[in-house]
Amino acid sequence: MTTTTITTGSALDALFPQYKTDPVYLVYFHVDFDGVVMYIGKGKGKRPWSKARSKDHLEWINNCQHEYVEIVAEGLSERAAFALEHKNLLSGEYSPRFNEVLRRT
């Protein structure tokens, strides 16, 4: 079993000083009708429902006939959202089809 450590606080600030500290970010999944996670993202406001996506991802969204957005966590700083997004991406638990960083590896 692999344990993932998420760095927080000032250590995280030192690693990623460019990220915002306002607690307005969230982490979300785009989930298929059968519960398969298709995309893992972070953003704020209405980003989870945005249509600014890759061609394949947008086609999938337009064909969805169900509520496909699942909010995983909200009220996060940008750094914390980034860390949680990447923890989920790298955990091996999910294989989201539309996350480009995973398709390149």
N, C-alpha and C. Protein backbone atom coordinates (compact mmCIF):
# COMPACT_ATOMS: atom_id res chain seq x y z
N MET A 1 0.84 -1.18 0.00
CA MET A 1 0.00 0.00 0.00
C MET A 1 0.89 1.24 0.00
N THR A 2 0.59 2.19 -0.87
CA THR A 2 1.35 3.42 -0.98
C THR A 2 0.67 4.53 -0.20
N THR A 3 1.44 5.29 0.56
CA THR A 3 0.91 6.43 1.30
C THR A 3 1.32 7.70 0.60
N THR A 4 0.36 8.59 0.36
CA THR A 4 0.64 9.87 -0.28
C THR A 4 0.62 10.95 0.78
N THR A 5 1.65 11.76 0.84
CA THR A 5 1.72 12.86 1.79
C THR A 5 1.42 14.15 1.05
N ILE A 6 0.51 14.94 1.60
CA ILE A 6 0.19 16.24 1.04
C ILE A 6 0.84 17.30 1.92
N THR A 7 1.71 18.08 1.34
CA THR A 7 2.38 19.17 2.05
C THR A 7 1.41 20.32 2.23
N THR A 8 1.39 20.90 3.41
CA THR A 8 0.48 22.02 3.68
C THR A 8 1.23 23.17 4.32
N GLY A 9 0.52 24.27 4.52
CA GLY A 9 1.06 25.41 5.24
C GLY A 9 2.23 26.08 4.57
N SER A 10 3.17 26.55 5.40
CA SER A 10 4.29 27.33 4.87
C SER A 10 5.20 26.52 3.97
N ALA A 11 5.30 25.21 4.18
CA ALA A 11 6.11 24.38 3.28
C ALA A 11 5.53 24.40 1.88
N LEU A 12 4.21 24.32 1.79
CA LEU A 12 3.54 24.39 0.49
C LEU A 12 3.69 25.78 -0.11
N ASP A 13 3.59 26.82 0.72
CA ASP A 13 3.79 28.19 0.25
C ASP A 13 5.17 28.36 -0.38
N ALA A 14 6.17 27.76 0.22
CA ALA A 14 7.53 27.87 -0.29
C ALA A 14 7.68 27.14 -1.63
N LEU A 15 6.99 26.00 -1.77
CA LEU A 15 7.08 25.23 -3.02
C LEU A 15 6.35 25.91 -4.17
N PHE A 16 5.21 26.55 -3.87
CA PHE A 16 4.35 27.13 -4.91
C PHE A 16 3.93 28.55 -4.55
N PRO A 17 4.85 29.50 -4.52
CA PRO A 17 4.49 30.85 -4.11
C PRO A 17 3.56 31.56 -5.08
N GLN A 18 3.44 31.08 -6.31
CA GLN A 18 2.61 31.75 -7.31
C GLN A 18 1.12 31.47 -7.12
N TYR A 19 0.75 30.50 -6.29
CA TYR A 19 -0.66 30.16 -6.13
C TYR A 19 -1.34 31.04 -5.08
N LYS A 20 -2.60 31.31 -5.32
CA LYS A 20 -3.40 32.19 -4.46
C LYS A 20 -3.79 31.48 -3.16
N THR A 21 -3.94 32.28 -2.09
CA THR A 21 -4.30 31.71 -0.80
C THR A 21 -5.77 31.91 -0.44
N ASP A 22 -6.53 32.66 -1.25
CA ASP A 22 -7.95 32.86 -0.97
C ASP A 22 -8.68 31.52 -1.01
N PRO A 23 -9.54 31.23 -0.02
CA PRO A 23 -10.23 29.94 0.02
C PRO A 23 -11.47 29.89 -0.88
N VAL A 24 -11.27 30.06 -2.17
CA VAL A 24 -12.40 30.11 -3.11
C VAL A 24 -12.32 29.01 -4.17
N TYR A 25 -11.39 28.10 -4.03
CA TYR A 25 -11.18 27.06 -5.03
C TYR A 25 -11.87 25.76 -4.62
N LEU A 26 -12.09 24.92 -5.64
CA LEU A 26 -12.70 23.62 -5.39
C LEU A 26 -12.05 22.58 -6.28
N VAL A 27 -12.25 21.33 -5.91
CA VAL A 27 -11.80 20.20 -6.71
C VAL A 27 -13.05 19.43 -7.09
N TYR A 28 -13.11 19.00 -8.35
CA TYR A 28 -14.31 18.34 -8.84
C TYR A 28 -13.97 17.18 -9.76
N PHE A 29 -14.92 16.28 -9.89
CA PHE A 29 -14.84 15.17 -10.85
C PHE A 29 -15.93 15.37 -11.89
N HIS A 30 -15.66 14.96 -13.11
CA HIS A 30 -16.69 14.73 -14.12
C HIS A 30 -16.88 13.22 -14.13
N VAL A 31 -18.11 12.78 -13.84
CA VAL A 31 -18.38 11.36 -13.63
C VAL A 31 -19.37 10.86 -14.68
N ASP A 32 -19.06 9.71 -15.26
CA ASP A 32 -19.95 9.10 -16.25
C ASP A 32 -21.18 8.54 -15.53
N PHE A 33 -22.20 8.17 -16.29
CA PHE A 33 -23.46 7.70 -15.73
C PHE A 33 -23.28 6.46 -14.86
N ASP A 34 -22.23 5.69 -15.08
CA ASP A 34 -21.99 4.48 -14.30
C ASP A 34 -20.99 4.68 -13.16
N GLY A 35 -20.66 5.95 -12.87
CA GLY A 35 -19.78 6.27 -11.74
C GLY A 35 -18.30 6.33 -12.06
N VAL A 36 -17.92 6.13 -13.30
CA VAL A 36 -16.50 6.19 -13.69
C VAL A 36 -16.06 7.65 -13.77
N VAL A 37 -14.96 7.97 -13.09
CA VAL A 37 -14.43 9.33 -13.11
C VAL A 37 -13.77 9.56 -14.47
N MET A 38 -14.29 10.54 -15.20
CA MET A 38 -13.80 10.85 -16.54
C MET A 38 -12.80 12.01 -16.53
N TYR A 39 -12.87 12.86 -15.51
CA TYR A 39 -11.99 14.05 -15.44
C TYR A 39 -11.88 14.47 -13.99
N ILE A 40 -10.70 14.90 -13.58
CA ILE A 40 -10.45 15.48 -12.26
C ILE A 40 -9.93 16.88 -12.48
N GLY A 41 -10.56 17.86 -11.84
CA GLY A 41 -10.13 19.24 -12.05
C GLY A 41 -10.20 20.09 -10.80
N LYS A 42 -9.61 21.27 -10.91
CA LYS A 42 -9.71 22.28 -9.85
C LYS A 42 -10.13 23.57 -10.51
N GLY A 43 -10.75 24.42 -9.77
CA GLY A 43 -11.16 25.70 -10.32
C GLY A 43 -11.90 26.50 -9.27
N LYS A 44 -12.59 27.52 -9.73
CA LYS A 44 -13.42 28.31 -8.83
C LYS A 44 -14.66 28.76 -9.59
N GLY A 45 -15.67 29.13 -8.86
CA GLY A 45 -16.90 29.59 -9.49
C GLY A 45 -17.58 28.49 -10.30
N LYS A 46 -17.86 28.80 -11.55
CA LYS A 46 -18.60 27.87 -12.41
C LYS A 46 -17.70 26.99 -13.27
N ARG A 47 -16.41 26.94 -12.97
CA ARG A 47 -15.47 26.15 -13.78
C ARG A 47 -15.90 24.69 -13.96
N PRO A 48 -16.43 24.02 -12.94
CA PRO A 48 -16.81 22.61 -13.15
C PRO A 48 -17.83 22.42 -14.28
N TRP A 49 -18.64 23.43 -14.56
CA TRP A 49 -19.67 23.35 -15.59
C TRP A 49 -19.27 24.05 -16.89
N SER A 50 -18.06 24.55 -16.96
CA SER A 50 -17.58 25.27 -18.14
C SER A 50 -17.51 24.34 -19.35
N LYS A 51 -17.79 24.90 -20.52
CA LYS A 51 -17.71 24.15 -21.77
C LYS A 51 -16.36 24.37 -22.47
N ALA A 52 -15.45 25.10 -21.83
CA ALA A 52 -14.12 25.32 -22.40
C ALA A 52 -13.26 24.09 -22.11
N ARG A 53 -13.39 23.10 -22.98
CA ARG A 53 -12.73 21.80 -22.80
C ARG A 53 -12.15 21.33 -24.13
N SER A 54 -11.45 20.22 -24.09
CA SER A 54 -10.97 19.63 -25.34
C SER A 54 -12.17 19.16 -26.17
N LYS A 55 -11.94 18.93 -27.44
CA LYS A 55 -13.02 18.53 -28.34
C LYS A 55 -13.72 17.26 -27.84
N ASP A 56 -12.95 16.23 -27.49
CA ASP A 56 -13.54 14.97 -27.03
C ASP A 56 -14.30 15.15 -25.71
N HIS A 57 -13.70 15.92 -24.83
CA HIS A 57 -14.33 16.17 -23.53
C HIS A 57 -15.65 16.92 -23.71
N LEU A 58 -15.64 17.93 -24.54
CA LEU A 58 -16.85 18.71 -24.80
C LEU A 58 -17.94 17.85 -25.44
N GLU A 59 -17.56 16.99 -26.36
CA GLU A 59 -18.53 16.09 -26.98
C GLU A 59 -19.16 15.18 -25.92
N TRP A 60 -18.34 14.67 -25.01
CA TRP A 60 -18.85 13.84 -23.92
C TRP A 60 -19.83 14.63 -23.06
N ILE A 61 -19.46 15.87 -22.68
CA ILE A 61 -20.35 16.73 -21.87
C ILE A 61 -21.67 16.96 -22.58
N ASN A 62 -21.61 17.30 -23.86
CA ASN A 62 -22.83 17.59 -24.62
C ASN A 62 -23.74 16.37 -24.76
N ASN A 63 -23.17 15.17 -24.67
CA ASN A 63 -23.97 13.95 -24.76
C ASN A 63 -24.47 13.44 -23.41
N CYS A 64 -23.99 14.05 -22.33
CA CYS A 64 -24.42 13.61 -20.99
C CYS A 64 -25.90 13.90 -20.80
N GLN A 65 -26.59 12.92 -20.26
CA GLN A 65 -28.00 13.11 -19.91
C GLN A 65 -28.18 12.93 -18.41
N HIS A 66 -27.14 13.22 -17.68
CA HIS A 66 -27.17 13.09 -16.22
C HIS A 66 -26.31 14.22 -15.63
N GLU A 67 -26.44 14.44 -14.33
CA GLU A 67 -25.60 15.42 -13.65
C GLU A 67 -24.21 14.81 -13.53
N TYR A 68 -23.26 15.37 -14.23
CA TYR A 68 -21.93 14.77 -14.34
C TYR A 68 -20.89 15.41 -13.42
N VAL A 69 -21.22 16.51 -12.75
CA VAL A 69 -20.25 17.19 -11.88
C VAL A 69 -20.42 16.70 -10.45
N GLU A 70 -19.31 16.28 -9.86
CA GLU A 70 -19.29 15.90 -8.45
C GLU A 70 -18.24 16.77 -7.76
N ILE A 71 -18.67 17.63 -6.84
CA ILE A 71 -17.74 18.47 -6.10
C ILE A 71 -17.10 17.61 -5.01
N VAL A 72 -15.78 17.53 -5.03
CA VAL A 72 -15.04 16.70 -4.08
C VAL A 72 -14.72 17.50 -2.82
N ALA A 73 -14.29 18.75 -2.99
CA ALA A 73 -13.96 19.63 -1.87
C ALA A 73 -14.08 21.07 -2.33
N GLU A 74 -14.47 21.95 -1.42
CA GLU A 74 -14.56 23.38 -1.76
C GLU A 74 -14.06 24.20 -0.59
N GLY A 75 -13.91 25.52 -0.82
CA GLY A 75 -13.37 26.40 0.21
C GLY A 75 -11.88 26.23 0.41
N LEU A 76 -11.18 25.86 -0.66
CA LEU A 76 -9.75 25.60 -0.60
C LEU A 76 -8.95 26.78 -1.17
N SER A 77 -7.71 26.91 -0.72
CA SER A 77 -6.79 27.83 -1.39
C SER A 77 -6.42 27.18 -2.71
N GLU A 78 -5.84 27.96 -3.62
CA GLU A 78 -5.44 27.39 -4.90
C GLU A 78 -4.39 26.30 -4.70
N ARG A 79 -3.47 26.52 -3.78
CA ARG A 79 -2.43 25.52 -3.52
C ARG A 79 -3.02 24.21 -3.00
N ALA A 80 -3.96 24.33 -2.05
CA ALA A 80 -4.59 23.12 -1.50
C ALA A 80 -5.41 22.40 -2.57
N ALA A 81 -6.10 23.16 -3.43
CA ALA A 81 -6.88 22.56 -4.51
C ALA A 81 -5.94 21.85 -5.49
N PHE A 82 -4.84 22.49 -5.82
CA PHE A 82 -3.85 21.90 -6.72
C PHE A 82 -3.32 20.59 -6.13
N ALA A 83 -2.99 20.61 -4.84
CA ALA A 83 -2.46 19.41 -4.17
C ALA A 83 -3.48 18.28 -4.16
N LEU A 84 -4.74 18.60 -3.85
CA LEU A 84 -5.78 17.57 -3.82
C LEU A 84 -6.07 17.03 -5.22
N GLU A 85 -6.12 17.92 -6.21
CA GLU A 85 -6.33 17.48 -7.59
C GLU A 85 -5.25 16.48 -8.00
N HIS A 86 -4.00 16.81 -7.73
CA HIS A 86 -2.90 15.94 -8.13
C HIS A 86 -2.80 14.69 -7.28
N LYS A 87 -3.19 14.76 -6.03
CA LYS A 87 -3.26 13.55 -5.20
C LYS A 87 -4.23 12.56 -5.85
N ASN A 88 -5.39 13.05 -6.28
CA ASN A 88 -6.38 12.18 -6.92
C ASN A 88 -5.88 11.68 -8.28
N LEU A 89 -5.21 12.53 -9.04
CA LEU A 89 -4.70 12.13 -10.34
C LEU A 89 -3.62 11.07 -10.23
N LEU A 90 -2.77 11.19 -9.22
CA LEU A 90 -1.62 10.31 -9.11
C LEU A 90 -1.84 9.11 -8.21
N SER A 91 -3.00 9.03 -7.56
CA SER A 91 -3.26 7.95 -6.61
C SER A 91 -3.36 6.58 -7.26
N GLY A 92 -3.69 6.55 -8.54
CA GLY A 92 -3.90 5.27 -9.21
C GLY A 92 -5.31 4.74 -9.04
N GLU A 93 -6.10 5.38 -8.21
CA GLU A 93 -7.48 4.93 -8.00
C GLU A 93 -8.37 5.25 -9.20
N TYR A 94 -8.03 6.32 -9.92
CA TYR A 94 -8.82 6.75 -11.06
C TYR A 94 -7.96 6.76 -12.32
N SER A 95 -8.61 6.59 -13.44
CA SER A 95 -7.94 6.71 -14.75
C SER A 95 -8.79 7.62 -15.62
N PRO A 96 -8.83 8.91 -15.28
CA PRO A 96 -9.72 9.83 -15.99
C PRO A 96 -9.32 10.05 -17.45
N ARG A 97 -10.23 9.75 -18.31
CA ARG A 97 -9.99 9.78 -19.76
C ARG A 97 -9.59 11.16 -20.29
N PHE A 98 -10.12 12.22 -19.70
CA PHE A 98 -9.92 13.55 -20.27
C PHE A 98 -8.83 14.38 -19.58
N ASN A 99 -8.08 13.82 -18.67
CA ASN A 99 -6.96 14.54 -18.07
C ASN A 99 -5.73 14.36 -18.94
N GLU A 100 -5.33 15.43 -19.65
CA GLU A 100 -4.23 15.36 -20.61
C GLU A 100 -2.90 14.97 -19.97
N VAL A 101 -2.65 15.39 -18.74
CA VAL A 101 -1.38 15.08 -18.10
C VAL A 101 -1.20 13.57 -17.99
N LEU A 102 -2.28 12.83 -17.83
CA LEU A 102 -2.19 11.38 -17.72
C LEU A 102 -2.08 10.72 -19.08
N ARG A 103 -2.64 11.33 -20.10
CA ARG A 103 -2.59 10.74 -21.44
C ARG A 103 -1.19 10.81 -22.03
N ARG A 104 -0.36 11.76 -21.58
CA ARG A 104 0.99 11.93 -22.12
C ARG A 104 1.97 10.94 -21.55
N THR A 105 1.65 10.32 -20.43
CA THR A 105 2.62 9.42 -19.79
C THR A 105 2.46 7.99 -20.23
